[in-house]
Structures are given as C-alpha cells and as structure tokens.
Amino acid sequence: MPKNVYRPATRYPTAARRMNRSAEVTVRVLVDEKGRVEKAERVGAAVGMGFDDAALEVARLCAYNPATKDGVRVKMWISMKVTFVP
C-alpha cells in the first residue's frame, strides 16, 4: 500500500467557512509507480459548497512512497478522507 509522504494544507471553501459548515469527502486516488497521483475521483454523492473540488485538489497534490509487490513498484488505488471542520 502506498505511504503518504506529503499532504498539503486543505483549502477551506470560502462560502462554507462563512456558513460555518463542515464536511467529509472520500476520494479514490490512483498512485503510480513513482508515488505521484495519476487520478483522483470523489467517491459517493457530491457534498457541494466547494468541498468536493477542495478535496480533489488536496488529493492531487499529495505525494507517496509507491506500493510494491514482490519488490517491484506498482500502481495502486487507495482511498483517503478529507475532513473540513470550521
């Protein structure tokens, strides 16, 4: 399983902050053999208020130590949760 080595700060959506909203967005991430995010997609229904886009932005900017199988680096899907709390 890939190990996260960098996760940027989460950008809280302005409108959601003004309304004091919180949310949790689950994102599926395809980590390539070099530890880079190749694809990121939201799992489940859209949360709205900018949370979905902010969660995908965080997911795309993460960096990982790639997964290995029998000593060889491999692509792997993982899921991550991005939590927004005012």
N, C-alpha and C. Protein backbone atom coordinates (compact mmCIF):
# COMPACT_ATOMS: atom_id res chain seq x y z
N MET A 1 0.85 -1.17 0.00
CA MET A 1 0.00 0.00 0.00
C MET A 1 0.89 1.24 0.00
N PRO A 2 0.56 2.25 -0.82
CA PRO A 2 1.34 3.48 -0.83
C PRO A 2 1.32 4.17 0.53
N LYS A 3 2.43 4.80 0.89
CA LYS A 3 2.54 5.54 2.14
C LYS A 3 2.62 7.02 1.82
N ASN A 4 1.75 7.81 2.43
CA ASN A 4 1.73 9.25 2.19
C ASN A 4 2.98 9.89 2.78
N VAL A 5 3.68 10.69 1.96
CA VAL A 5 4.85 11.41 2.44
C VAL A 5 4.65 12.92 2.39
N TYR A 6 3.60 13.37 1.70
CA TYR A 6 3.29 14.80 1.66
C TYR A 6 1.79 14.98 1.45
N ARG A 7 1.20 15.80 2.30
CA ARG A 7 -0.21 16.16 2.14
C ARG A 7 -0.32 17.65 2.41
N PRO A 8 -0.72 18.42 1.39
CA PRO A 8 -0.78 19.87 1.56
C PRO A 8 -1.91 20.27 2.51
N ALA A 9 -1.84 21.49 2.97
CA ALA A 9 -2.91 22.03 3.81
C ALA A 9 -4.20 22.05 2.98
N THR A 10 -5.30 21.80 3.65
CA THR A 10 -6.60 21.80 2.98
C THR A 10 -7.12 23.22 2.86
N ARG A 11 -7.52 23.59 1.65
CA ARG A 11 -8.12 24.90 1.42
C ARG A 11 -9.60 24.82 1.75
N TYR A 12 -10.02 25.55 2.78
CA TYR A 12 -11.42 25.51 3.20
C TYR A 12 -12.23 26.41 2.28
N PRO A 13 -13.29 25.91 1.66
CA PRO A 13 -14.08 26.75 0.75
C PRO A 13 -14.65 27.98 1.48
N THR A 14 -14.50 29.15 0.86
CA THR A 14 -14.90 30.41 1.48
C THR A 14 -16.37 30.44 1.89
N ALA A 15 -17.26 30.05 0.98
CA ALA A 15 -18.69 30.08 1.28
C ALA A 15 -19.02 29.14 2.45
N ALA A 16 -18.41 27.99 2.48
CA ALA A 16 -18.66 27.02 3.55
C ALA A 16 -18.15 27.56 4.89
N ARG A 17 -17.02 28.25 4.86
CA ARG A 17 -16.47 28.83 6.09
C ARG A 17 -17.41 29.90 6.63
N ARG A 18 -17.92 30.76 5.72
CA ARG A 18 -18.85 31.82 6.15
C ARG A 18 -20.10 31.24 6.80
N MET A 19 -20.53 30.08 6.28
CA MET A 19 -21.75 29.45 6.81
C MET A 19 -21.44 28.46 7.94
N ASN A 20 -20.16 28.38 8.33
CA ASN A 20 -19.74 27.51 9.42
C ASN A 20 -20.09 26.03 9.17
N ARG A 21 -19.91 25.60 7.92
CA ARG A 21 -20.23 24.23 7.52
C ARG A 21 -19.02 23.32 7.67
N SER A 22 -19.29 22.07 7.97
CA SER A 22 -18.24 21.06 8.00
C SER A 22 -18.64 19.93 7.05
N ALA A 23 -17.66 19.14 6.64
CA ALA A 23 -17.94 18.04 5.72
C ALA A 23 -16.77 17.07 5.72
N GLU A 24 -17.05 15.88 5.20
CA GLU A 24 -16.00 14.89 4.97
C GLU A 24 -16.22 14.34 3.56
N VAL A 25 -15.16 14.37 2.77
CA VAL A 25 -15.22 13.90 1.38
C VAL A 25 -14.25 12.75 1.23
N THR A 26 -14.72 11.64 0.66
CA THR A 26 -13.86 10.50 0.39
C THR A 26 -13.43 10.56 -1.06
N VAL A 27 -12.13 10.39 -1.28
CA VAL A 27 -11.56 10.47 -2.62
C VAL A 27 -10.79 9.19 -2.90
N ARG A 28 -10.98 8.64 -4.10
CA ARG A 28 -10.19 7.49 -4.56
C ARG A 28 -9.02 8.04 -5.34
N VAL A 29 -7.83 7.54 -5.04
CA VAL A 29 -6.60 8.06 -5.64
C VAL A 29 -5.82 6.91 -6.27
N LEU A 30 -5.39 7.10 -7.52
CA LEU A 30 -4.52 6.13 -8.18
C LEU A 30 -3.09 6.64 -8.06
N VAL A 31 -2.28 5.93 -7.28
CA VAL A 31 -0.88 6.30 -7.07
C VAL A 31 -0.03 5.48 -8.04
N ASP A 32 0.79 6.19 -8.84
CA ASP A 32 1.60 5.48 -9.84
C ASP A 32 2.89 4.91 -9.22
N GLU A 33 3.70 4.31 -10.08
CA GLU A 33 4.93 3.64 -9.63
C GLU A 33 5.99 4.61 -9.09
N LYS A 34 5.82 5.88 -9.34
CA LYS A 34 6.77 6.88 -8.84
C LYS A 34 6.24 7.61 -7.61
N GLY A 35 5.04 7.23 -7.15
CA GLY A 35 4.46 7.86 -5.97
C GLY A 35 3.64 9.10 -6.26
N ARG A 36 3.40 9.35 -7.53
CA ARG A 36 2.60 10.51 -7.92
C ARG A 36 1.14 10.11 -8.09
N VAL A 37 0.26 11.06 -7.89
CA VAL A 37 -1.17 10.82 -8.08
C VAL A 37 -1.48 10.91 -9.57
N GLU A 38 -1.94 9.80 -10.12
CA GLU A 38 -2.28 9.76 -11.55
C GLU A 38 -3.73 10.17 -11.77
N LYS A 39 -4.62 9.75 -10.88
CA LYS A 39 -6.05 10.09 -10.97
C LYS A 39 -6.59 10.29 -9.57
N ALA A 40 -7.59 11.15 -9.46
CA ALA A 40 -8.30 11.33 -8.20
C ALA A 40 -9.76 11.55 -8.53
N GLU A 41 -10.63 10.84 -7.83
CA GLU A 41 -12.07 10.98 -8.08
C GLU A 41 -12.84 10.86 -6.78
N ARG A 42 -13.90 11.64 -6.69
CA ARG A 42 -14.74 11.62 -5.49
C ARG A 42 -15.51 10.30 -5.43
N VAL A 43 -15.71 9.82 -4.22
CA VAL A 43 -16.49 8.60 -4.01
C VAL A 43 -17.82 9.03 -3.41
N GLY A 44 -18.92 8.52 -3.95
CA GLY A 44 -20.24 8.82 -3.40
C GLY A 44 -20.81 10.12 -3.93
N ALA A 45 -21.87 10.56 -3.26
CA ALA A 45 -22.61 11.75 -3.69
C ALA A 45 -21.79 13.02 -3.45
N ALA A 46 -22.04 14.01 -4.29
CA ALA A 46 -21.37 15.31 -4.14
C ALA A 46 -21.82 15.97 -2.84
N VAL A 47 -20.87 16.59 -2.17
CA VAL A 47 -21.16 17.30 -0.92
C VAL A 47 -21.57 18.74 -1.23
N GLY A 48 -20.96 19.34 -2.24
CA GLY A 48 -21.30 20.70 -2.64
C GLY A 48 -20.53 21.75 -1.86
N MET A 49 -20.90 23.01 -2.06
CA MET A 49 -20.32 24.17 -1.39
C MET A 49 -18.82 24.29 -1.58
N GLY A 50 -18.26 23.66 -2.62
CA GLY A 50 -16.84 23.75 -2.89
C GLY A 50 -16.00 22.68 -2.20
N PHE A 51 -16.64 21.89 -1.33
CA PHE A 51 -15.90 20.85 -0.60
C PHE A 51 -15.32 19.80 -1.54
N ASP A 52 -16.07 19.39 -2.54
CA ASP A 52 -15.62 18.33 -3.45
C ASP A 52 -14.36 18.76 -4.21
N ASP A 53 -14.39 19.95 -4.78
CA ASP A 53 -13.23 20.44 -5.53
C ASP A 53 -12.02 20.62 -4.62
N ALA A 54 -12.23 21.14 -3.42
CA ALA A 54 -11.12 21.34 -2.48
C ALA A 54 -10.51 19.99 -2.08
N ALA A 55 -11.34 18.98 -1.88
CA ALA A 55 -10.84 17.65 -1.51
C ALA A 55 -10.04 17.04 -2.66
N LEU A 56 -10.53 17.18 -3.88
CA LEU A 56 -9.81 16.66 -5.05
C LEU A 56 -8.48 17.39 -5.24
N GLU A 57 -8.45 18.69 -4.96
CA GLU A 57 -7.22 19.46 -5.07
C GLU A 57 -6.16 18.93 -4.10
N VAL A 58 -6.57 18.68 -2.86
CA VAL A 58 -5.65 18.12 -1.85
C VAL A 58 -5.14 16.76 -2.32
N ALA A 59 -6.05 15.92 -2.78
CA ALA A 59 -5.69 14.56 -3.20
C ALA A 59 -4.67 14.59 -4.35
N ARG A 60 -4.87 15.47 -5.32
CA ARG A 60 -3.98 15.54 -6.48
C ARG A 60 -2.58 16.03 -6.13
N LEU A 61 -2.47 16.81 -5.06
CA LEU A 61 -1.18 17.38 -4.68
C LEU A 61 -0.39 16.53 -3.69
N CYS A 62 -0.98 15.44 -3.23
CA CYS A 62 -0.28 14.54 -2.29
C CYS A 62 0.86 13.81 -3.00
N ALA A 63 1.81 13.35 -2.22
CA ALA A 63 2.91 12.52 -2.75
C ALA A 63 3.04 11.29 -1.86
N TYR A 64 3.47 10.20 -2.45
CA TYR A 64 3.52 8.91 -1.76
C TYR A 64 4.82 8.18 -2.03
N ASN A 65 5.15 7.27 -1.14
CA ASN A 65 6.09 6.21 -1.46
C ASN A 65 5.21 5.15 -2.12
N PRO A 66 5.53 4.72 -3.32
CA PRO A 66 4.64 3.81 -4.04
C PRO A 66 4.52 2.44 -3.38
N ALA A 67 3.45 1.76 -3.73
CA ALA A 67 3.25 0.38 -3.28
C ALA A 67 4.23 -0.52 -4.02
N THR A 68 4.56 -1.64 -3.41
CA THR A 68 5.41 -2.62 -4.08
C THR A 68 4.78 -4.00 -3.97
N LYS A 69 5.06 -4.80 -4.97
CA LYS A 69 4.62 -6.20 -4.97
C LYS A 69 5.83 -7.01 -5.41
N ASP A 70 6.27 -7.90 -4.53
CA ASP A 70 7.46 -8.71 -4.80
C ASP A 70 8.66 -7.83 -5.14
N GLY A 71 8.78 -6.69 -4.44
CA GLY A 71 9.92 -5.80 -4.63
C GLY A 71 9.84 -4.89 -5.83
N VAL A 72 8.74 -4.95 -6.57
CA VAL A 72 8.57 -4.12 -7.77
C VAL A 72 7.50 -3.07 -7.48
N ARG A 73 7.80 -1.81 -7.83
CA ARG A 73 6.82 -0.73 -7.64
C ARG A 73 5.62 -0.95 -8.55
N VAL A 74 4.41 -0.73 -7.99
CA VAL A 74 3.18 -0.94 -8.76
C VAL A 74 2.22 0.21 -8.52
N LYS A 75 1.32 0.41 -9.50
CA LYS A 75 0.22 1.36 -9.34
C LYS A 75 -0.78 0.75 -8.39
N MET A 76 -1.44 1.60 -7.62
CA MET A 76 -2.47 1.09 -6.71
C MET A 76 -3.49 2.18 -6.39
N TRP A 77 -4.76 1.77 -6.34
CA TRP A 77 -5.82 2.66 -5.90
C TRP A 77 -5.88 2.63 -4.38
N ILE A 78 -6.03 3.80 -3.78
CA ILE A 78 -6.27 3.90 -2.35
C ILE A 78 -7.40 4.89 -2.15
N SER A 79 -7.97 4.91 -0.97
CA SER A 79 -8.95 5.95 -0.70
C SER A 79 -8.46 6.78 0.48
N MET A 80 -8.83 8.05 0.44
CA MET A 80 -8.45 8.96 1.51
C MET A 80 -9.65 9.82 1.87
N LYS A 81 -9.72 10.21 3.09
CA LYS A 81 -10.78 11.10 3.56
C LYS A 81 -10.20 12.48 3.79
N VAL A 82 -10.94 13.47 3.32
CA VAL A 82 -10.55 14.87 3.56
C VAL A 82 -11.65 15.47 4.42
N THR A 83 -11.27 15.90 5.62
CA THR A 83 -12.24 16.42 6.58
C THR A 83 -12.11 17.94 6.68
N PHE A 84 -13.24 18.58 6.65
CA PHE A 84 -13.30 20.04 6.77
C PHE A 84 -14.09 20.38 8.03
N VAL A 85 -13.42 21.04 8.97
CA VAL A 85 -14.07 21.46 10.22
C VAL A 85 -13.74 22.94 10.43
N PRO A 86 -14.77 23.76 10.61
CA PRO A 86 -14.51 25.20 10.77
C PRO A 86 -13.77 25.51 12.07
